[in-house]
Amino acid sequence: MNKEYWEERYKSNEIGWDVGEITTPLKEYIDQIENKRLKILIPGAGNGHEFDYLIEKGFTNITVIDIAEQPLETLKKRNPKYIKNFIQGDFFDFDKTFDLIIEQTFFCALNPKMRTKYVTQMHSILEKNGKIAGVLFDFPLTEVGPPFGGSKEEYINLFSKKFNLKTLESAYNSIKPRKDRELFFIFEKK
């Protein structure tokens, strides 16, 4: 699942994860954030509905990184004022730091063999007391994906060495196709 894989998915419109807007768990989380100056990263943002919503809510220090060019071009067309905020590149080579990282279908799109690397990278690019927040899928891990599943137990084992697990619970407000299949989480860097 390299750059070419993701480019092809966008070109052929095989983007079932994209529901055309920000999903409710993230929307409600963002609505309660008071500090509009936070440095925020959205990795693997795709068409970036979370970016659009953050901008609408008054946040301006937001960076989007995606390995695929096509969704970033879509974001640029919708948000020409923020072109400098969009980076085409590999998340695992990224080295800027952030206060908050928004997770929406990026983790589940990675090959499960990369999950430990994901945790290490998240930890390294978060400021002291920085947080990752978002949703993780809650269905059995599959060998075919994306999306690849996962479980609460797996996430606890994976993240607890480097993060304080502030919240990890069933998302009560998931969109209908994801009902009872998502966990909302907030993990703080140790």
N, C-alpha and C. Protein backbone atom coordinates (compact mmCIF):
# COMPACT_ATOMS: atom_id res chain seq x y z
N MET A 1 0.84 -1.19 0.00
CA MET A 1 0.00 0.00 0.00
C MET A 1 0.88 1.25 0.00
N ASN A 2 1.46 1.50 -1.12
CA ASN A 2 2.36 2.62 -1.29
C ASN A 2 1.63 3.80 -1.94
N LYS A 3 2.39 4.81 -2.31
CA LYS A 3 1.81 6.01 -2.93
C LYS A 3 0.97 5.66 -4.15
N GLU A 4 1.47 4.77 -5.00
CA GLU A 4 0.74 4.41 -6.22
C GLU A 4 -0.60 3.74 -5.88
N TYR A 5 -0.60 2.90 -4.87
CA TYR A 5 -1.84 2.24 -4.43
C TYR A 5 -2.90 3.28 -4.07
N TRP A 6 -2.51 4.27 -3.24
CA TRP A 6 -3.47 5.27 -2.79
C TRP A 6 -3.89 6.20 -3.92
N GLU A 7 -2.95 6.55 -4.81
CA GLU A 7 -3.32 7.38 -5.96
C GLU A 7 -4.39 6.67 -6.80
N GLU A 8 -4.20 5.38 -7.01
CA GLU A 8 -5.16 4.61 -7.81
C GLU A 8 -6.52 4.54 -7.12
N ARG A 9 -6.53 4.39 -5.81
CA ARG A 9 -7.80 4.36 -5.08
C ARG A 9 -8.59 5.65 -5.30
N TYR A 10 -7.89 6.78 -5.26
CA TYR A 10 -8.58 8.06 -5.48
C TYR A 10 -9.00 8.23 -6.93
N LYS A 11 -8.15 7.84 -7.86
CA LYS A 11 -8.49 7.98 -9.28
C LYS A 11 -9.71 7.14 -9.65
N SER A 12 -9.81 5.95 -9.06
CA SER A 12 -10.94 5.06 -9.38
C SER A 12 -12.12 5.28 -8.43
N ASN A 13 -12.02 6.29 -7.58
CA ASN A 13 -13.06 6.65 -6.63
C ASN A 13 -13.43 5.50 -5.68
N GLU A 14 -12.43 4.71 -5.33
CA GLU A 14 -12.62 3.63 -4.35
C GLU A 14 -12.24 4.17 -2.98
N ILE A 15 -13.08 5.06 -2.47
CA ILE A 15 -12.79 5.73 -1.21
C ILE A 15 -13.99 5.61 -0.26
N GLY A 16 -14.36 4.39 0.02
CA GLY A 16 -15.52 4.12 0.86
C GLY A 16 -15.44 4.70 2.25
N TRP A 17 -14.23 5.01 2.73
CA TRP A 17 -14.07 5.59 4.05
C TRP A 17 -14.49 7.05 4.08
N ASP A 18 -14.56 7.69 2.91
CA ASP A 18 -14.88 9.11 2.83
C ASP A 18 -16.40 9.26 2.80
N VAL A 19 -16.95 9.79 3.88
CA VAL A 19 -18.41 9.94 3.97
C VAL A 19 -18.87 11.32 3.52
N GLY A 20 -17.95 12.13 3.00
CA GLY A 20 -18.32 13.42 2.43
C GLY A 20 -18.38 14.57 3.42
N GLU A 21 -18.12 14.29 4.68
CA GLU A 21 -18.12 15.33 5.72
C GLU A 21 -17.42 14.78 6.95
N ILE A 22 -17.17 15.66 7.90
CA ILE A 22 -16.57 15.22 9.15
C ILE A 22 -17.57 14.29 9.87
N THR A 23 -17.06 13.25 10.53
CA THR A 23 -17.95 12.35 11.24
C THR A 23 -18.25 12.92 12.64
N THR A 24 -19.36 12.49 13.19
CA THR A 24 -19.86 13.05 14.45
C THR A 24 -18.88 12.94 15.62
N PRO A 25 -18.20 11.79 15.85
CA PRO A 25 -17.29 11.77 17.00
C PRO A 25 -16.21 12.86 16.95
N LEU A 26 -15.65 13.08 15.78
CA LEU A 26 -14.62 14.12 15.67
C LEU A 26 -15.23 15.52 15.74
N LYS A 27 -16.35 15.69 15.12
CA LYS A 27 -17.03 17.00 15.15
C LYS A 27 -17.30 17.41 16.60
N GLU A 28 -17.87 16.51 17.38
CA GLU A 28 -18.20 16.83 18.76
C GLU A 28 -16.95 17.04 19.61
N TYR A 29 -15.89 16.31 19.32
CA TYR A 29 -14.63 16.51 20.04
C TYR A 29 -14.06 17.90 19.73
N ILE A 30 -14.00 18.24 18.46
CA ILE A 30 -13.46 19.54 18.05
C ILE A 30 -14.29 20.68 18.64
N ASP A 31 -15.61 20.50 18.71
CA ASP A 31 -16.48 21.55 19.24
C ASP A 31 -16.15 21.94 20.67
N GLN A 32 -15.55 21.04 21.44
CA GLN A 32 -15.26 21.37 22.83
C GLN A 32 -13.83 21.87 23.06
N ILE A 33 -13.02 21.98 22.00
CA ILE A 33 -11.65 22.49 22.15
C ILE A 33 -11.70 24.02 22.16
N GLU A 34 -11.18 24.61 23.22
CA GLU A 34 -11.21 26.07 23.35
C GLU A 34 -9.99 26.76 22.76
N ASN A 35 -8.83 26.13 22.83
CA ASN A 35 -7.58 26.76 22.37
C ASN A 35 -7.46 26.64 20.85
N LYS A 36 -7.78 27.71 20.17
CA LYS A 36 -7.78 27.72 18.70
C LYS A 36 -6.36 27.85 18.13
N ARG A 37 -5.36 28.03 19.00
CA ARG A 37 -3.97 28.19 18.55
C ARG A 37 -3.19 26.87 18.55
N LEU A 38 -3.82 25.79 18.93
CA LEU A 38 -3.13 24.50 18.95
C LEU A 38 -2.51 24.19 17.59
N LYS A 39 -1.33 23.57 17.62
CA LYS A 39 -0.71 23.06 16.38
C LYS A 39 -1.31 21.67 16.16
N ILE A 40 -2.05 21.53 15.07
CA ILE A 40 -2.81 20.31 14.81
C ILE A 40 -2.31 19.64 13.53
N LEU A 41 -2.19 18.32 13.58
CA LEU A 41 -1.84 17.52 12.40
C LEU A 41 -2.97 16.56 12.09
N ILE A 42 -3.26 16.43 10.80
CA ILE A 42 -4.20 15.40 10.33
C ILE A 42 -3.42 14.53 9.34
N PRO A 43 -2.95 13.36 9.80
CA PRO A 43 -2.20 12.48 8.90
C PRO A 43 -3.13 11.62 8.06
N GLY A 44 -2.71 11.35 6.81
CA GLY A 44 -3.55 10.52 5.94
C GLY A 44 -4.93 11.11 5.81
N ALA A 45 -5.01 12.41 5.63
CA ALA A 45 -6.27 13.15 5.71
C ALA A 45 -7.22 12.92 4.55
N GLY A 46 -6.72 12.37 3.46
CA GLY A 46 -7.62 12.18 2.32
C GLY A 46 -8.21 13.50 1.88
N ASN A 47 -9.51 13.52 1.69
CA ASN A 47 -10.19 14.74 1.21
C ASN A 47 -10.34 15.80 2.29
N GLY A 48 -9.92 15.52 3.51
CA GLY A 48 -9.74 16.53 4.53
C GLY A 48 -10.96 17.22 5.08
N HIS A 49 -12.03 16.50 5.28
CA HIS A 49 -13.24 17.13 5.83
C HIS A 49 -12.98 17.65 7.25
N GLU A 50 -12.08 17.00 7.97
CA GLU A 50 -11.72 17.47 9.30
C GLU A 50 -11.01 18.82 9.23
N PHE A 51 -10.16 18.98 8.22
CA PHE A 51 -9.48 20.26 8.02
C PHE A 51 -10.52 21.36 7.79
N ASP A 52 -11.46 21.11 6.89
CA ASP A 52 -12.49 22.10 6.59
C ASP A 52 -13.24 22.51 7.85
N TYR A 53 -13.57 21.53 8.68
CA TYR A 53 -14.34 21.82 9.89
C TYR A 53 -13.50 22.62 10.88
N LEU A 54 -12.24 22.25 11.04
CA LEU A 54 -11.37 23.00 11.94
C LEU A 54 -11.25 24.46 11.51
N ILE A 55 -11.08 24.69 10.23
CA ILE A 55 -10.99 26.06 9.70
C ILE A 55 -12.29 26.81 9.99
N GLU A 56 -13.41 26.15 9.73
CA GLU A 56 -14.72 26.76 9.99
C GLU A 56 -14.86 27.16 11.46
N LYS A 57 -14.25 26.40 12.35
CA LYS A 57 -14.36 26.66 13.79
C LYS A 57 -13.30 27.63 14.32
N GLY A 58 -12.46 28.16 13.43
CA GLY A 58 -11.52 29.19 13.83
C GLY A 58 -10.10 28.74 14.10
N PHE A 59 -9.80 27.47 13.87
CA PHE A 59 -8.43 26.98 14.01
C PHE A 59 -7.67 27.35 12.74
N THR A 60 -6.40 27.70 12.87
CA THR A 60 -5.63 28.09 11.68
C THR A 60 -4.28 27.39 11.59
N ASN A 61 -3.80 26.82 12.67
CA ASN A 61 -2.48 26.21 12.69
C ASN A 61 -2.61 24.69 12.47
N ILE A 62 -3.07 24.33 11.30
CA ILE A 62 -3.39 22.94 10.98
C ILE A 62 -2.52 22.49 9.81
N THR A 63 -1.93 21.32 9.94
CA THR A 63 -1.14 20.73 8.86
C THR A 63 -1.80 19.43 8.44
N VAL A 64 -1.85 19.21 7.15
CA VAL A 64 -2.37 17.97 6.58
C VAL A 64 -1.23 17.29 5.85
N ILE A 65 -1.05 16.00 6.09
CA ILE A 65 -0.07 15.24 5.32
C ILE A 65 -0.77 14.01 4.75
N ASP A 66 -0.50 13.77 3.47
CA ASP A 66 -1.04 12.58 2.82
C ASP A 66 -0.01 12.13 1.78
N ILE A 67 0.08 10.85 1.61
CA ILE A 67 1.02 10.30 0.63
C ILE A 67 0.52 10.48 -0.79
N ALA A 68 -0.80 10.59 -0.94
CA ALA A 68 -1.41 10.72 -2.28
C ALA A 68 -1.59 12.19 -2.65
N GLU A 69 -1.33 12.50 -3.90
CA GLU A 69 -1.44 13.88 -4.39
C GLU A 69 -2.89 14.29 -4.65
N GLN A 70 -3.68 13.39 -5.20
CA GLN A 70 -5.03 13.76 -5.64
C GLN A 70 -5.91 14.35 -4.54
N PRO A 71 -5.99 13.74 -3.35
CA PRO A 71 -6.85 14.37 -2.34
C PRO A 71 -6.32 15.72 -1.87
N LEU A 72 -5.01 15.89 -1.89
CA LEU A 72 -4.45 17.20 -1.51
C LEU A 72 -4.82 18.26 -2.54
N GLU A 73 -4.85 17.87 -3.81
CA GLU A 73 -5.27 18.82 -4.85
C GLU A 73 -6.73 19.23 -4.63
N THR A 74 -7.56 18.29 -4.23
CA THR A 74 -8.96 18.60 -3.93
C THR A 74 -9.04 19.58 -2.76
N LEU A 75 -8.25 19.34 -1.73
CA LEU A 75 -8.22 20.25 -0.58
C LEU A 75 -7.75 21.65 -0.99
N LYS A 76 -6.74 21.71 -1.83
CA LYS A 76 -6.22 23.00 -2.28
C LYS A 76 -7.28 23.79 -3.04
N LYS A 77 -8.07 23.10 -3.86
CA LYS A 77 -9.13 23.79 -4.61
C LYS A 77 -10.18 24.36 -3.67
N ARG A 78 -10.51 23.62 -2.61
CA ARG A 78 -11.51 24.10 -1.65
C ARG A 78 -10.94 25.16 -0.72
N ASN A 79 -9.64 25.12 -0.50
CA ASN A 79 -9.00 26.00 0.49
C ASN A 79 -7.74 26.65 -0.07
N PRO A 80 -7.84 27.45 -1.12
CA PRO A 80 -6.64 28.00 -1.75
C PRO A 80 -5.82 28.89 -0.80
N LYS A 81 -6.44 29.43 0.21
CA LYS A 81 -5.76 30.29 1.17
C LYS A 81 -4.78 29.50 2.04
N TYR A 82 -4.95 28.17 2.11
CA TYR A 82 -4.17 27.34 3.03
C TYR A 82 -3.25 26.35 2.33
N ILE A 83 -2.88 26.60 1.09
CA ILE A 83 -2.07 25.65 0.31
C ILE A 83 -0.80 25.25 1.07
N LYS A 84 -0.19 26.19 1.77
CA LYS A 84 1.04 25.88 2.51
C LYS A 84 0.82 24.87 3.64
N ASN A 85 -0.42 24.65 4.04
CA ASN A 85 -0.74 23.73 5.13
C ASN A 85 -0.80 22.27 4.67
N PHE A 86 -0.74 22.05 3.35
CA PHE A 86 -0.92 20.70 2.80
C PHE A 86 0.43 20.15 2.32
N ILE A 87 0.79 18.99 2.85
CA ILE A 87 2.08 18.38 2.53
C ILE A 87 1.85 17.01 1.92
N GLN A 88 2.43 16.83 0.74
CA GLN A 88 2.42 15.48 0.17
C GLN A 88 3.70 14.81 0.61
N GLY A 89 3.55 13.70 1.31
CA GLY A 89 4.72 13.01 1.80
C GLY A 89 4.34 11.83 2.67
N ASP A 90 5.36 11.17 3.14
CA ASP A 90 5.20 9.99 3.97
C ASP A 90 5.17 10.42 5.44
N PHE A 91 4.10 10.13 6.11
CA PHE A 91 3.94 10.45 7.53
C PHE A 91 5.13 9.95 8.36
N PHE A 92 5.67 8.82 8.01
CA PHE A 92 6.73 8.22 8.80
C PHE A 92 8.08 8.93 8.62
N ASP A 93 8.17 9.83 7.65
CA ASP A 93 9.37 10.63 7.45
C ASP A 93 9.20 12.06 7.97
N PHE A 94 8.05 12.35 8.51
CA PHE A 94 7.69 13.70 8.95
C PHE A 94 8.32 13.98 10.31
N ASP A 95 8.82 15.22 10.53
CA ASP A 95 9.51 15.48 11.79
C ASP A 95 9.11 16.77 12.50
N LYS A 96 8.05 17.43 12.10
CA LYS A 96 7.57 18.60 12.84
C LYS A 96 6.81 18.10 14.07
N THR A 97 6.58 18.99 15.04
CA THR A 97 5.87 18.58 16.24
C THR A 97 4.53 19.31 16.37
N PHE A 98 3.62 18.67 17.11
CA PHE A 98 2.24 19.15 17.20
C PHE A 98 1.70 18.98 18.62
N ASP A 99 0.67 19.76 18.91
CA ASP A 99 -0.04 19.66 20.18
C ASP A 99 -1.13 18.59 20.12
N LEU A 100 -1.72 18.43 18.93
CA LEU A 100 -2.85 17.52 18.76
C LEU A 100 -2.76 16.87 17.39
N ILE A 101 -3.00 15.57 17.36
CA ILE A 101 -3.09 14.84 16.09
C ILE A 101 -4.48 14.24 16.02
N ILE A 102 -5.15 14.50 14.92
CA ILE A 102 -6.50 13.99 14.70
C ILE A 102 -6.40 12.68 13.91
N GLU A 103 -6.98 11.63 14.45
CA GLU A 103 -6.95 10.30 13.82
C GLU A 103 -8.34 9.96 13.26
N GLN A 104 -8.41 9.82 11.96
CA GLN A 104 -9.66 9.44 11.29
C GLN A 104 -9.32 8.54 10.11
N THR A 105 -9.41 7.26 10.30
CA THR A 105 -9.20 6.21 9.29
C THR A 105 -7.77 6.10 8.75
N PHE A 106 -6.82 6.78 9.36
CA PHE A 106 -5.41 6.62 8.94
C PHE A 106 -4.83 5.33 9.51
N PHE A 107 -4.96 5.15 10.81
CA PHE A 107 -4.42 3.96 11.47
C PHE A 107 -4.95 2.68 10.84
N CYS A 108 -6.25 2.62 10.58
CA CYS A 108 -6.86 1.39 10.05
C CYS A 108 -6.46 1.12 8.61
N ALA A 109 -5.91 2.12 7.93
CA ALA A 109 -5.49 1.94 6.54
C ALA A 109 -4.07 1.42 6.42
N LEU A 110 -3.33 1.46 7.51
CA LEU A 110 -1.96 0.98 7.50
C LEU A 110 -1.91 -0.53 7.68
N ASN A 111 -0.96 -1.15 7.02
CA ASN A 111 -0.73 -2.57 7.24
C ASN A 111 -0.50 -2.78 8.73
N PRO A 112 -1.17 -3.75 9.36
CA PRO A 112 -1.00 -3.96 10.80
C PRO A 112 0.45 -4.15 11.24
N LYS A 113 1.33 -4.57 10.34
CA LYS A 113 2.75 -4.70 10.69
C LYS A 113 3.38 -3.34 11.00
N MET A 114 2.72 -2.25 10.60
CA MET A 114 3.26 -0.91 10.80
C MET A 114 2.73 -0.24 12.07
N ARG A 115 1.92 -0.93 12.84
CA ARG A 115 1.27 -0.29 13.98
C ARG A 115 2.25 0.16 15.06
N THR A 116 3.26 -0.64 15.34
CA THR A 116 4.25 -0.23 16.34
C THR A 116 5.00 1.01 15.85
N LYS A 117 5.32 1.03 14.57
CA LYS A 117 6.00 2.19 13.97
C LYS A 117 5.10 3.43 14.05
N TYR A 118 3.80 3.25 13.85
CA TYR A 118 2.82 4.34 13.96
C TYR A 118 2.88 4.94 15.37
N VAL A 119 2.83 4.09 16.39
CA VAL A 119 2.85 4.55 17.78
C VAL A 119 4.14 5.32 18.06
N THR A 120 5.27 4.79 17.62
CA THR A 120 6.56 5.44 17.82
C THR A 120 6.60 6.81 17.13
N GLN A 121 6.12 6.87 15.90
CA GLN A 121 6.12 8.13 15.17
C GLN A 121 5.18 9.15 15.82
N MET A 122 4.00 8.71 16.21
CA MET A 122 3.06 9.62 16.89
C MET A 122 3.72 10.21 18.13
N HIS A 123 4.34 9.37 18.91
CA HIS A 123 4.98 9.81 20.14
C HIS A 123 6.08 10.82 19.81
N SER A 124 6.86 10.57 18.77
CA SER A 124 7.99 11.45 18.47
C SER A 124 7.57 12.81 17.92
N ILE A 125 6.41 12.92 17.31
CA ILE A 125 6.02 14.22 16.73
C ILE A 125 5.01 14.99 17.58
N LEU A 126 4.72 14.48 18.75
CA LEU A 126 3.86 15.23 19.67
C LEU A 126 4.71 16.03 20.66
N GLU A 127 4.26 17.23 20.93
CA GLU A 127 4.87 18.05 21.98
C GLU A 127 4.64 17.37 23.33
N LYS A 128 5.34 17.81 24.35
CA LYS A 128 5.11 17.31 25.69
C LYS A 128 3.63 17.49 26.04
N ASN A 129 3.01 16.45 26.57
CA ASN A 129 1.58 16.42 26.89
C ASN A 129 0.68 16.54 25.67
N GLY A 130 1.24 16.36 24.47
CA GLY A 130 0.43 16.38 23.26
C GLY A 130 -0.51 15.19 23.23
N LYS A 131 -1.54 15.29 22.39
CA LYS A 131 -2.57 14.26 22.35
C LYS A 131 -2.85 13.78 20.93
N ILE A 132 -3.23 12.52 20.85
CA ILE A 132 -3.84 11.96 19.64
C ILE A 132 -5.30 11.75 20.03
N ALA A 133 -6.21 12.14 19.16
CA ALA A 133 -7.63 11.94 19.43
C ALA A 133 -8.34 11.56 18.15
N GLY A 134 -9.33 10.72 18.28
CA GLY A 134 -10.11 10.33 17.12
C GLY A 134 -10.80 9.01 17.32
N VAL A 135 -10.91 8.27 16.24
CA VAL A 135 -11.60 6.99 16.30
C VAL A 135 -10.72 5.88 15.73
N LEU A 136 -10.87 4.72 16.34
CA LEU A 136 -10.21 3.50 15.88
C LEU A 136 -11.30 2.46 15.68
N PHE A 137 -11.15 1.63 14.66
CA PHE A 137 -12.17 0.62 14.42
C PHE A 137 -12.12 -0.46 15.49
N ASP A 138 -13.29 -0.97 15.80
CA ASP A 138 -13.46 -2.01 16.81
C ASP A 138 -14.17 -3.20 16.17
N PHE A 139 -13.40 -3.94 15.39
CA PHE A 139 -13.87 -5.21 14.83
C PHE A 139 -12.64 -6.07 14.61
N PRO A 140 -12.81 -7.37 14.51
CA PRO A 140 -11.65 -8.27 14.46
C PRO A 140 -10.63 -7.87 13.39
N LEU A 141 -9.38 -7.96 13.79
CA LEU A 141 -8.27 -7.68 12.88
C LEU A 141 -8.38 -8.61 11.68
N THR A 142 -8.25 -8.03 10.50
CA THR A 142 -8.34 -8.81 9.27
C THR A 142 -7.00 -8.79 8.56
N GLU A 143 -6.77 -9.79 7.73
CA GLU A 143 -5.55 -9.81 6.92
C GLU A 143 -5.77 -9.10 5.60
N VAL A 144 -7.03 -8.89 5.25
CA VAL A 144 -7.36 -8.21 4.01
C VAL A 144 -7.91 -6.83 4.37
N GLY A 145 -7.41 -5.85 3.75
CA GLY A 145 -7.87 -4.49 4.02
C GLY A 145 -7.22 -3.56 3.01
N PRO A 146 -7.30 -2.33 3.20
CA PRO A 146 -7.94 -1.65 4.30
C PRO A 146 -9.45 -1.60 4.16
N PRO A 147 -10.17 -1.34 5.25
CA PRO A 147 -9.63 -1.12 6.58
C PRO A 147 -9.26 -2.44 7.27
N PHE A 148 -8.26 -2.32 8.13
CA PHE A 148 -7.88 -3.43 8.99
C PHE A 148 -8.51 -3.15 10.35
N GLY A 149 -9.02 -4.15 10.97
CA GLY A 149 -9.69 -3.96 12.25
C GLY A 149 -8.72 -3.88 13.41
N GLY A 150 -9.25 -4.03 14.58
CA GLY A 150 -8.48 -4.01 15.80
C GLY A 150 -9.42 -4.07 16.99
N SER A 151 -8.85 -4.18 18.16
CA SER A 151 -9.67 -4.31 19.36
C SER A 151 -9.16 -3.39 20.46
N LYS A 152 -10.01 -3.14 21.42
CA LYS A 152 -9.65 -2.32 22.56
C LYS A 152 -8.41 -2.89 23.26
N GLU A 153 -8.40 -4.20 23.45
CA GLU A 153 -7.26 -4.85 24.10
C GLU A 153 -5.97 -4.62 23.32
N GLU A 154 -6.03 -4.76 22.00
CA GLU A 154 -4.85 -4.51 21.18
C GLU A 154 -4.36 -3.08 21.33
N TYR A 155 -5.29 -2.13 21.30
CA TYR A 155 -4.91 -0.72 21.39
C TYR A 155 -4.29 -0.40 22.75
N ILE A 156 -4.83 -0.98 23.80
CA ILE A 156 -4.25 -0.77 25.14
C ILE A 156 -2.81 -1.28 25.16
N ASN A 157 -2.60 -2.49 24.67
CA ASN A 157 -1.26 -3.07 24.64
C ASN A 157 -0.31 -2.26 23.77
N LEU A 158 -0.80 -1.78 22.66
CA LEU A 158 0.03 -1.07 21.69
C LEU A 158 0.44 0.33 22.16
N PHE A 159 -0.50 1.07 22.74
CA PHE A 159 -0.26 2.48 23.05
C PHE A 159 0.18 2.75 24.49
N SER A 160 -0.11 1.87 25.42
CA SER A 160 0.05 2.21 26.84
C SER A 160 1.49 2.44 27.29
N LYS A 161 2.46 1.95 26.57
CA LYS A 161 3.86 2.18 26.97
C LYS A 161 4.29 3.63 26.73
N LYS A 162 3.72 4.27 25.73
CA LYS A 162 4.16 5.62 25.37
C LYS A 162 3.10 6.69 25.61
N PHE A 163 1.87 6.26 25.94
CA PHE A 163 0.77 7.21 26.09
C PHE A 163 -0.05 6.91 27.34
N ASN A 164 -0.58 7.98 27.94
CA ASN A 164 -1.60 7.83 28.97
C ASN A 164 -2.93 7.72 28.23
N LEU A 165 -3.64 6.64 28.46
CA LEU A 165 -4.90 6.40 27.75
C LEU A 165 -6.02 7.11 28.50
N LYS A 166 -6.27 8.35 28.13
CA LYS A 166 -7.26 9.17 28.81
C LYS A 166 -8.68 8.68 28.55
N THR A 167 -8.96 8.33 27.30
CA THR A 167 -10.29 7.85 26.91
C THR A 167 -10.11 6.77 25.86
N LEU A 168 -10.86 5.69 26.01
CA LEU A 168 -10.91 4.62 25.00
C LEU A 168 -12.22 3.89 25.24
N GLU A 169 -13.25 4.33 24.50
CA GLU A 169 -14.59 3.80 24.74
C GLU A 169 -15.39 3.72 23.45
N SER A 170 -16.43 2.92 23.48
CA SER A 170 -17.29 2.83 22.30
C SER A 170 -17.81 4.21 21.95
N ALA A 171 -17.74 4.53 20.68
CA ALA A 171 -18.23 5.83 20.22
C ALA A 171 -19.76 5.77 20.18
N TYR A 172 -20.40 6.49 21.06
CA TYR A 172 -21.86 6.49 21.15
C TYR A 172 -22.49 7.24 19.98
N ASN A 173 -21.70 8.04 19.29
CA ASN A 173 -22.23 8.93 18.26
C ASN A 173 -21.67 8.62 16.86
N SER A 174 -21.29 7.38 16.64
CA SER A 174 -20.78 7.00 15.31
C SER A 174 -21.84 7.19 14.24
N ILE A 175 -21.39 7.41 13.02
CA ILE A 175 -22.33 7.46 11.91
C ILE A 175 -22.91 6.05 11.73
N LYS A 176 -24.07 5.96 11.13
CA LYS A 176 -24.81 4.71 11.05
C LYS A 176 -24.00 3.53 10.51
N PRO A 177 -23.26 3.68 9.40
CA PRO A 177 -22.50 2.53 8.89
C PRO A 177 -21.40 2.04 9.84
N ARG A 178 -21.00 2.86 10.79
CA ARG A 178 -19.92 2.48 11.71
C ARG A 178 -20.41 2.25 13.14
N LYS A 179 -21.72 2.28 13.33
CA LYS A 179 -22.29 2.10 14.67
C LYS A 179 -21.81 0.78 15.27
N ASP A 180 -21.40 0.84 16.53
CA ASP A 180 -20.89 -0.32 17.29
C ASP A 180 -19.60 -0.89 16.70
N ARG A 181 -18.91 -0.12 15.88
CA ARG A 181 -17.66 -0.59 15.27
C ARG A 181 -16.52 0.41 15.44
N GLU A 182 -16.72 1.41 16.29
CA GLU A 182 -15.70 2.44 16.50
C GLU A 182 -15.47 2.67 17.99
N LEU A 183 -14.23 2.98 18.31
CA LEU A 183 -13.85 3.40 19.64
C LEU A 183 -13.35 4.84 19.55
N PHE A 184 -13.89 5.71 20.38
CA PHE A 184 -13.36 7.07 20.46
C PHE A 184 -12.23 7.05 21.46
N PHE A 185 -11.14 7.77 21.15
CA PHE A 185 -10.00 7.76 22.06
C PHE A 185 -9.32 9.11 22.16
N ILE A 186 -8.70 9.33 23.31
CA ILE A 186 -7.79 10.45 23.54
C ILE A 186 -6.60 9.86 24.28
N PHE A 187 -5.43 9.88 23.64
CA PHE A 187 -4.20 9.38 24.25
C PHE A 187 -3.23 10.55 24.39
N GLU A 188 -2.67 10.70 25.59
CA GLU A 188 -1.74 11.79 25.86
C GLU A 188 -0.32 11.26 25.96
N LYS A 189 0.59 11.95 25.32
CA LYS A 189 2.00 11.55 25.34
C LYS A 189 2.55 11.51 26.76
N LYS A 190 3.23 10.43 27.10
CA LYS A 190 3.89 10.32 28.42
C LYS A 190 5.19 11.11 28.38
